[in-house]
Amino acid sequence: MATRGDHLSMLRNAGYVDAIEIDVAFLDTARAWSQESARLGAVLAPLEPPGAFEERQAERKRMIAAIEDGLLLRTLYSARRR
């Protein structure tokens, strides 16, 4: 599995310069998504097949746990060609 530093090295090895890594605060986004979905659950749940809304919420909780455990992240890389 590639590590975060590997991505920057790959960009540099490919001839890019000024490569930077930006954490996109995915944990905040995932938490907000889960909380707002829960808040609107009475409206959203009927729009999906039975049980689908609850399963999506469970998936969001697993995603949040994975982010908190450092197993899942979203990173933006920016670089320019020489």
PDB file of N, CA and C in Angstrom:
ATOM      1  N   MET A   1       0.848  -1.181   0.000  1.00  0.00           N
ATOM      2  CA  MET A   1       0.000   0.000   0.000  1.00  0.00           C
ATOM      3  C   MET A   1       0.892   1.242   0.000  1.00  0.00           C
ATOM      4  N   ALA A   2       0.519   2.188  -0.802  1.00  0.00           N
ATOM      5  CA  ALA A   2       1.290   3.432  -0.879  1.00  0.00           C
ATOM      6  C   ALA A   2       1.035   4.279   0.360  1.00  0.00           C
ATOM      7  N   THR A   3       2.053   4.974   0.789  1.00  0.00           N
ATOM      8  CA  THR A   3       1.896   5.891   1.914  1.00  0.00           C
ATOM      9  C   THR A   3       1.724   7.294   1.375  1.00  0.00           C
ATOM     10  N   ARG A   4       1.315   8.190   2.247  1.00  0.00           N
ATOM     11  CA  ARG A   4       1.072   9.564   1.819  1.00  0.00           C
ATOM     12  C   ARG A   4       2.310  10.187   1.182  1.00  0.00           C
ATOM     13  N   GLY A   5       3.451   9.976   1.749  1.00  0.00           N
ATOM     14  CA  GLY A   5       4.691  10.534   1.215  1.00  0.00           C
ATOM     15  C   GLY A   5       5.028   9.989  -0.160  1.00  0.00           C
ATOM     16  N   ASP A   6       4.584   8.767  -0.438  1.00  0.00           N
ATOM     17  CA  ASP A   6       4.854   8.164  -1.740  1.00  0.00           C
ATOM     18  C   ASP A   6       4.234   8.967  -2.871  1.00  0.00           C
ATOM     19  N   HIS A   7       3.065   9.527  -2.652  1.00  0.00           N
ATOM     20  CA  HIS A   7       2.403  10.288  -3.701  1.00  0.00           C
ATOM     21  C   HIS A   7       3.223  11.530  -4.074  1.00  0.00           C
ATOM     22  N   LEU A   8       3.737  12.207  -3.094  1.00  0.00           N
ATOM     23  CA  LEU A   8       4.576  13.375  -3.379  1.00  0.00           C
ATOM     24  C   LEU A   8       5.837  12.954  -4.117  1.00  0.00           C
ATOM     25  N   SER A   9       6.432  11.856  -3.703  1.00  0.00           N
ATOM     26  CA  SER A   9       7.630  11.349  -4.385  1.00  0.00           C
ATOM     27  C   SER A   9       7.323  10.981  -5.824  1.00  0.00           C
ATOM     28  N   MET A  10       6.177  10.355  -6.053  1.00  0.00           N
ATOM     29  CA  MET A  10       5.810   9.981  -7.421  1.00  0.00           C
ATOM     30  C   MET A  10       5.634  11.220  -8.298  1.00  0.00           C
ATOM     31  N   LEU A  11       5.010  12.251  -7.756  1.00  0.00           N
ATOM     32  CA  LEU A  11       4.853  13.489  -8.517  1.00  0.00           C
ATOM     33  C   LEU A  11       6.215  14.084  -8.861  1.00  0.00           C
ATOM     34  N   ARG A  12       7.099  14.139  -7.890  1.00  0.00           N
ATOM     35  CA  ARG A  12       8.435  14.703  -8.127  1.00  0.00           C
ATOM     36  C   ARG A  12       9.209  13.852  -9.136  1.00  0.00           C
ATOM     37  N   ASN A  13       9.122  12.525  -8.992  1.00  0.00           N
ATOM     38  CA  ASN A  13       9.820  11.629  -9.917  1.00  0.00           C
ATOM     39  C   ASN A  13       9.278  11.737 -11.332  1.00  0.00           C
ATOM     40  N   ALA A  14       8.028  12.159 -11.474  1.00  0.00           N
ATOM     41  CA  ALA A  14       7.419  12.327 -12.787  1.00  0.00           C
ATOM     42  C   ALA A  14       7.735  13.691 -13.393  1.00  0.00           C
ATOM     43  N   GLY A  15       8.524  14.484 -12.678  1.00  0.00           N
ATOM     44  CA  GLY A  15       8.959  15.760 -13.229  1.00  0.00           C
ATOM     45  C   GLY A  15       8.169  16.962 -12.765  1.00  0.00           C
ATOM     46  N   TYR A  16       7.294  16.765 -11.790  1.00  0.00           N
ATOM     47  CA  TYR A  16       6.528  17.903 -11.269  1.00  0.00           C
ATOM     48  C   TYR A  16       7.319  18.610 -10.181  1.00  0.00           C
ATOM     49  N   VAL A  17       7.076  19.905 -10.031  1.00  0.00           N
ATOM     50  CA  VAL A  17       7.731  20.697  -8.991  1.00  0.00           C
ATOM     51  C   VAL A  17       6.654  21.367  -8.142  1.00  0.00           C
ATOM     52  N   ASP A  18       7.084  21.905  -7.028  1.00  0.00           N
ATOM     53  CA  ASP A  18       6.182  22.592  -6.098  1.00  0.00           C
ATOM     54  C   ASP A  18       4.998  21.711  -5.699  1.00  0.00           C
ATOM     55  N   ALA A  19       5.250  20.429  -5.541  1.00  0.00           N
ATOM     56  CA  ALA A  19       4.190  19.492  -5.160  1.00  0.00           C
ATOM     57  C   ALA A  19       3.821  19.716  -3.693  1.00  0.00           C
ATOM     58  N   ILE A  20       2.524  19.822  -3.460  1.00  0.00           N
ATOM     59  CA  ILE A  20       2.039  19.984  -2.084  1.00  0.00           C
ATOM     60  C   ILE A  20       0.878  19.029  -1.850  1.00  0.00           C
ATOM     61  N   GLU A  21       0.660  18.750  -0.586  1.00  0.00           N
ATOM     62  CA  GLU A  21      -0.402  17.854  -0.152  1.00  0.00           C
ATOM     63  C   GLU A  21      -1.363  18.658   0.718  1.00  0.00           C
ATOM     64  N   ILE A  22      -2.660  18.570   0.419  1.00  0.00           N
ATOM     65  CA  ILE A  22      -3.658  19.327   1.166  1.00  0.00           C
ATOM     66  C   ILE A  22      -4.695  18.360   1.723  1.00  0.00           C
ATOM     67  N   ASP A  23      -4.847  18.347   3.039  1.00  0.00           N
ATOM     68  CA  ASP A  23      -5.881  17.544   3.687  1.00  0.00           C
ATOM     69  C   ASP A  23      -7.209  18.257   3.465  1.00  0.00           C
ATOM     70  N   VAL A  24      -8.190  17.563   2.941  1.00  0.00           N
ATOM     71  CA  VAL A  24      -9.456  18.219   2.608  1.00  0.00           C
ATOM     72  C   VAL A  24     -10.498  18.118   3.727  1.00  0.00           C
ATOM     73  N   ALA A  25     -10.061  17.859   4.950  1.00  0.00           N
ATOM     74  CA  ALA A  25     -10.954  17.832   6.114  1.00  0.00           C
ATOM     75  C   ALA A  25     -12.142  16.901   5.875  1.00  0.00           C
ATOM     76  N   PHE A  26     -11.869  15.702   5.399  1.00  0.00           N
ATOM     77  CA  PHE A  26     -12.917  14.752   5.069  1.00  0.00           C
ATOM     78  C   PHE A  26     -13.715  14.319   6.298  1.00  0.00           C
ATOM     79  N   LEU A  27     -13.080  14.277   7.460  1.00  0.00           N
ATOM     80  CA  LEU A  27     -13.799  13.885   8.670  1.00  0.00           C
ATOM     81  C   LEU A  27     -14.928  14.869   8.959  1.00  0.00           C
ATOM     82  N   ASP A  28     -14.654  16.147   8.848  1.00  0.00           N
ATOM     83  CA  ASP A  28     -15.692  17.160   9.072  1.00  0.00           C
ATOM     84  C   ASP A  28     -16.837  16.982   8.082  1.00  0.00           C
ATOM     85  N   THR A  29     -16.493  16.729   6.833  1.00  0.00           N
ATOM     86  CA  THR A  29     -17.499  16.538   5.794  1.00  0.00           C
ATOM     87  C   THR A  29     -18.343  15.295   6.081  1.00  0.00           C
ATOM     88  N   ALA A  30     -17.690  14.195   6.427  1.00  0.00           N
ATOM     89  CA  ALA A  30     -18.404  12.947   6.700  1.00  0.00           C
ATOM     90  C   ALA A  30     -19.340  13.095   7.903  1.00  0.00           C
ATOM     91  N   ARG A  31     -18.870  13.758   8.937  1.00  0.00           N
ATOM     92  CA  ARG A  31     -19.725  13.971  10.114  1.00  0.00           C
ATOM     93  C   ARG A  31     -20.934  14.834   9.769  1.00  0.00           C
ATOM     94  N   ALA A  32     -20.713  15.910   9.022  1.00  0.00           N
ATOM     95  CA  ALA A  32     -21.815  16.791   8.638  1.00  0.00           C
ATOM     96  C   ALA A  32     -22.815  16.050   7.762  1.00  0.00           C
ATOM     97  N   TRP A  33     -22.327  15.241   6.843  1.00  0.00           N
ATOM     98  CA  TRP A  33     -23.182  14.459   5.964  1.00  0.00           C
ATOM     99  C   TRP A  33     -24.064  13.523   6.793  1.00  0.00           C
ATOM    100  N   SER A  34     -23.472  12.831   7.742  1.00  0.00           N
ATOM    101  CA  SER A  34     -24.217  11.913   8.591  1.00  0.00           C
ATOM    102  C   SER A  34     -25.240  12.649   9.455  1.00  0.00           C
ATOM    103  N   GLN A  35     -24.815  13.740  10.069  1.00  0.00           N
ATOM    104  CA  GLN A  35     -25.707  14.494  10.950  1.00  0.00           C
ATOM    105  C   GLN A  35     -26.883  15.101  10.195  1.00  0.00           C
ATOM    106  N   GLU A  36     -26.614  15.683   9.040  1.00  0.00           N
ATOM    107  CA  GLU A  36     -27.695  16.297   8.265  1.00  0.00           C
ATOM    108  C   GLU A  36     -28.638  15.239   7.693  1.00  0.00           C
ATOM    109  N   SER A  37     -28.090  14.112   7.298  1.00  0.00           N
ATOM    110  CA  SER A  37     -28.946  13.027   6.823  1.00  0.00           C
ATOM    111  C   SER A  37     -29.843  12.528   7.947  1.00  0.00           C
ATOM    112  N   ALA A  38     -29.286  12.404   9.145  1.00  0.00           N
ATOM    113  CA  ALA A  38     -30.089  11.978  10.296  1.00  0.00           C
ATOM    114  C   ALA A  38     -31.184  13.002  10.591  1.00  0.00           C
ATOM    115  N   ARG A  39     -30.828  14.266  10.532  1.00  0.00           N
ATOM    116  CA  ARG A  39     -31.787  15.329  10.807  1.00  0.00           C
ATOM    117  C   ARG A  39     -32.943  15.295   9.809  1.00  0.00           C
ATOM    118  N   LEU A  40     -32.637  14.961   8.560  1.00  0.00           N
ATOM    119  CA  LEU A  40     -33.644  14.929   7.502  1.00  0.00           C
ATOM    120  C   LEU A  40     -34.167  13.527   7.215  1.00  0.00           C
ATOM    121  N   GLY A  41     -33.854  12.596   8.101  1.00  0.00           N
ATOM    122  CA  GLY A  41     -34.214  11.195   7.885  1.00  0.00           C
ATOM    123  C   GLY A  41     -35.680  10.956   7.578  1.00  0.00           C
ATOM    124  N   ALA A  42     -36.567  11.658   8.261  1.00  0.00           N
ATOM    125  CA  ALA A  42     -38.004  11.456   8.028  1.00  0.00           C
ATOM    126  C   ALA A  42     -38.404  11.816   6.599  1.00  0.00           C
ATOM    127  N   VAL A  43     -37.668  12.729   5.984  1.00  0.00           N
ATOM    128  CA  VAL A  43     -37.947  13.136   4.597  1.00  0.00           C
ATOM    129  C   VAL A  43     -37.201  12.236   3.614  1.00  0.00           C
ATOM    130  N   LEU A  44     -35.953  11.894   3.942  1.00  0.00           N
ATOM    131  CA  LEU A  44     -35.113  11.135   3.015  1.00  0.00           C
ATOM    132  C   LEU A  44     -35.451   9.651   2.949  1.00  0.00           C
ATOM    133  N   ALA A  45     -35.711   9.037   4.077  1.00  0.00           N
ATOM    134  CA  ALA A  45     -35.936   7.581   4.125  1.00  0.00           C
ATOM    135  C   ALA A  45     -37.042   7.109   3.185  1.00  0.00           C
ATOM    136  N   PRO A  46     -38.169   7.795   3.119  1.00  0.00           N
ATOM    137  CA  PRO A  46     -39.230   7.317   2.213  1.00  0.00           C
ATOM    138  C   PRO A  46     -38.875   7.400   0.726  1.00  0.00           C
ATOM    139  N   LEU A  47     -37.826   8.112   0.392  1.00  0.00           N
ATOM    140  CA  LEU A  47     -37.418   8.249  -1.003  1.00  0.00           C
ATOM    141  C   LEU A  47     -36.610   7.052  -1.494  1.00  0.00           C
ATOM    142  N   GLU A  48     -36.221   6.179  -0.572  1.00  0.00           N
ATOM    143  CA  GLU A  48     -35.392   5.024  -0.900  1.00  0.00           C
ATOM    144  C   GLU A  48     -36.147   3.737  -0.581  1.00  0.00           C
ATOM    145  N   PRO A  49     -35.657   2.625  -1.103  1.00  0.00           N
ATOM    146  CA  PRO A  49     -36.273   1.340  -0.748  1.00  0.00           C
ATOM    147  C   PRO A  49     -36.194   1.107   0.767  1.00  0.00           C
ATOM    148  N   PRO A  50     -37.090   0.298   1.306  1.00  0.00           N
ATOM    149  CA  PRO A  50     -37.081   0.032   2.745  1.00  0.00           C
ATOM    150  C   PRO A  50     -35.698  -0.433   3.237  1.00  0.00           C
ATOM    151  N   GLY A  51     -35.228   0.183   4.290  1.00  0.00           N
ATOM    152  CA  GLY A  51     -33.953  -0.185   4.896  1.00  0.00           C
ATOM    153  C   GLY A  51     -32.729   0.471   4.277  1.00  0.00           C
ATOM    154  N   ALA A  52     -32.856   1.048   3.093  1.00  0.00           N
ATOM    155  CA  ALA A  52     -31.696   1.615   2.403  1.00  0.00           C
ATOM    156  C   ALA A  52     -31.144   2.832   3.138  1.00  0.00           C
ATOM    157  N   PHE A  53     -32.015   3.685   3.646  1.00  0.00           N
ATOM    158  CA  PHE A  53     -31.550   4.874   4.366  1.00  0.00           C
ATOM    159  C   PHE A  53     -30.762   4.471   5.608  1.00  0.00           C
ATOM    160  N   GLU A  54     -31.292   3.507   6.347  1.00  0.00           N
ATOM    161  CA  GLU A  54     -30.607   3.039   7.561  1.00  0.00           C
ATOM    162  C   GLU A  54     -29.248   2.434   7.226  1.00  0.00           C
ATOM    163  N   GLU A  55     -29.190   1.686   6.112  1.00  0.00           N
ATOM    164  CA  GLU A  55     -27.909   1.099   5.701  1.00  0.00           C
ATOM    165  C   GLU A  55     -26.911   2.190   5.314  1.00  0.00           C
ATOM    166  N   ARG A  56     -27.364   3.219   4.629  1.00  0.00           N
ATOM    167  CA  ARG A  56     -26.460   4.327   4.277  1.00  0.00           C
ATOM    168  C   ARG A  56     -25.940   5.022   5.537  1.00  0.00           C
ATOM    169  N   GLN A  57     -26.798   5.213   6.501  1.00  0.00           N
ATOM    170  CA  GLN A  57     -26.360   5.837   7.751  1.00  0.00           C
ATOM    171  C   GLN A  57     -25.333   4.958   8.456  1.00  0.00           C
ATOM    172  N   ALA A  58     -25.552   3.639   8.440  1.00  0.00           N
ATOM    173  CA  ALA A  58     -24.581   2.712   9.045  1.00  0.00           C
ATOM    174  C   ALA A  58     -23.246   2.788   8.293  1.00  0.00           C
ATOM    175  N   GLU A  59     -23.306   2.889   6.959  1.00  0.00           N
ATOM    176  CA  GLU A  59     -22.083   3.026   6.163  1.00  0.00           C
ATOM    177  C   GLU A  59     -21.353   4.315   6.518  1.00  0.00           C
ATOM    178  N   ARG A  60     -22.100   5.378   6.716  1.00  0.00           N
ATOM    179  CA  ARG A  60     -21.479   6.656   7.089  1.00  0.00           C
ATOM    180  C   ARG A  60     -20.794   6.543   8.440  1.00  0.00           C
ATOM    181  N   LYS A  61     -21.407   5.854   9.376  1.00  0.00           N
ATOM    182  CA  LYS A  61     -20.783   5.665  10.703  1.00  0.00           C
ATOM    183  C   LYS A  61     -19.493   4.850  10.580  1.00  0.00           C
ATOM    184  N   ARG A  62     -19.513   3.811   9.719  1.00  0.00           N
ATOM    185  CA  ARG A  62     -18.289   3.031   9.498  1.00  0.00           C
ATOM    186  C   ARG A  62     -17.214   3.879   8.832  1.00  0.00           C
ATOM    187  N   MET A  63     -17.623   4.728   7.896  1.00  0.00           N
ATOM    188  CA  MET A  63     -16.676   5.610   7.217  1.00  0.00           C
ATOM    189  C   MET A  63     -16.039   6.569   8.218  1.00  0.00           C
ATOM    190  N   ILE A  64     -16.835   7.153   9.098  1.00  0.00           N
ATOM    191  CA  ILE A  64     -16.313   8.073  10.111  1.00  0.00           C
ATOM    192  C   ILE A  64     -15.321   7.350  11.016  1.00  0.00           C
ATOM    193  N   ALA A  65     -15.656   6.131  11.430  1.00  0.00           N
ATOM    194  CA  ALA A  65     -14.740   5.349  12.272  1.00  0.00           C
ATOM    195  C   ALA A  65     -13.427   5.073  11.537  1.00  0.00           C
ATOM    196  N   ALA A  66     -13.509   4.748  10.249  1.00  0.00           N
ATOM    197  CA  ALA A  66     -12.298   4.476   9.468  1.00  0.00           C
ATOM    198  C   ALA A  66     -11.434   5.729   9.335  1.00  0.00           C
ATOM    199  N   ILE A  67     -12.071   6.869   9.153  1.00  0.00           N
ATOM    200  CA  ILE A  67     -11.316   8.130   9.085  1.00  0.00           C
ATOM    201  C   ILE A  67     -10.634   8.391  10.420  1.00  0.00           C
ATOM    202  N   GLU A  68     -11.376   8.241  11.510  1.00  0.00           N
ATOM    203  CA  GLU A  68     -10.814   8.479  12.846  1.00  0.00           C
ATOM    204  C   GLU A  68      -9.661   7.531  13.158  1.00  0.00           C
ATOM    205  N   ASP A  69      -9.733   6.315  12.616  1.00  0.00           N
ATOM    206  CA  ASP A  69      -8.666   5.329  12.836  1.00  0.00           C
ATOM    207  C   ASP A  69      -7.494   5.507  11.873  1.00  0.00           C
ATOM    208  N   GLY A  70      -7.582   6.502  10.986  1.00  0.00           N
ATOM    209  CA  GLY A  70      -6.497   6.752  10.042  1.00  0.00           C
ATOM    210  C   GLY A  70      -6.478   5.805   8.859  1.00  0.00           C
ATOM    211  N   LEU A  71      -7.556   5.064   8.630  1.00  0.00           N
ATOM    212  CA  LEU A  71      -7.608   4.095   7.545  1.00  0.00           C
ATOM    213  C   LEU A  71      -8.150   4.683   6.248  1.00  0.00           C
ATOM    214  N   LEU A  72      -8.799   5.829   6.337  1.00  0.00           N
ATOM    215  CA  LEU A  72      -9.415   6.449   5.174  1.00  0.00           C
ATOM    216  C   LEU A  72      -9.141   7.940   5.226  1.00  0.00           C
ATOM    217  N   LEU A  73      -8.721   8.502   4.108  1.00  0.00           N
ATOM    218  CA  LEU A  73      -8.476   9.937   4.058  1.00  0.00           C
ATOM    219  C   LEU A  73      -8.715  10.443   2.653  1.00  0.00           C
ATOM    220  N   ARG A  74      -8.899  11.715   2.555  1.00  0.00           N
ATOM    221  CA  ARG A  74      -9.043  12.366   1.260  1.00  0.00           C
ATOM    222  C   ARG A  74      -8.014  13.487   1.215  1.00  0.00           C
ATOM    223  N   THR A  75      -7.155  13.405   0.247  1.00  0.00           N
ATOM    224  CA  THR A  75      -6.074  14.363   0.115  1.00  0.00           C
ATOM    225  C   THR A  75      -6.047  14.892  -1.314  1.00  0.00           C
ATOM    226  N   LEU A  76      -5.802  16.170  -1.435  1.00  0.00           N
ATOM    227  CA  LEU A  76      -5.644  16.803  -2.738  1.00  0.00           C
ATOM    228  C   LEU A  76      -4.156  17.079  -2.930  1.00  0.00           C
ATOM    229  N   TYR A  77      -3.651  16.715  -4.084  1.00  0.00           N
ATOM    230  CA  TYR A  77      -2.261  17.007  -4.429  1.00  0.00           C
ATOM    231  C   TYR A  77      -2.237  18.039  -5.530  1.00  0.00           C
ATOM    232  N   SER A  78      -1.351  18.990  -5.396  1.00  0.00           N
ATOM    233  CA  SER A  78      -1.191  20.019  -6.409  1.00  0.00           C
ATOM    234  C   SER A  78       0.281  20.109  -6.768  1.00  0.00           C
ATOM    235  N   ALA A  79       0.540  20.235  -8.066  1.00  0.00           N
ATOM    236  CA  ALA A  79       1.932  20.353  -8.537  1.00  0.00           C
ATOM    237  C   ALA A  79       1.896  20.987  -9.919  1.00  0.00           C
ATOM    238  N   ARG A  80       3.042  21.403 -10.382  1.00  0.00           N
ATOM    239  CA  ARG A  80       3.131  21.966 -11.723  1.00  0.00           C
ATOM    240  C   ARG A  80       4.316  21.357 -12.448  1.00  0.00           C
ATOM    241  N   ARG A  81       4.191  21.316 -13.764  1.00  0.00           N
ATOM    242  CA  ARG A  81       5.292  20.819 -14.586  1.00  0.00           C
ATOM    243  C   ARG A  81       6.391  21.864 -14.631  1.00  0.00           C
ATOM    244  N   ARG A  82       7.616  21.411 -14.771  1.00  0.00           N
ATOM    245  CA  ARG A  82       8.740  22.347 -14.923  1.00  0.00           C
ATOM    246  C   ARG A  82       8.624  23.137 -16.185  1.00  0.00           C
TER     247      ARG A  82
END
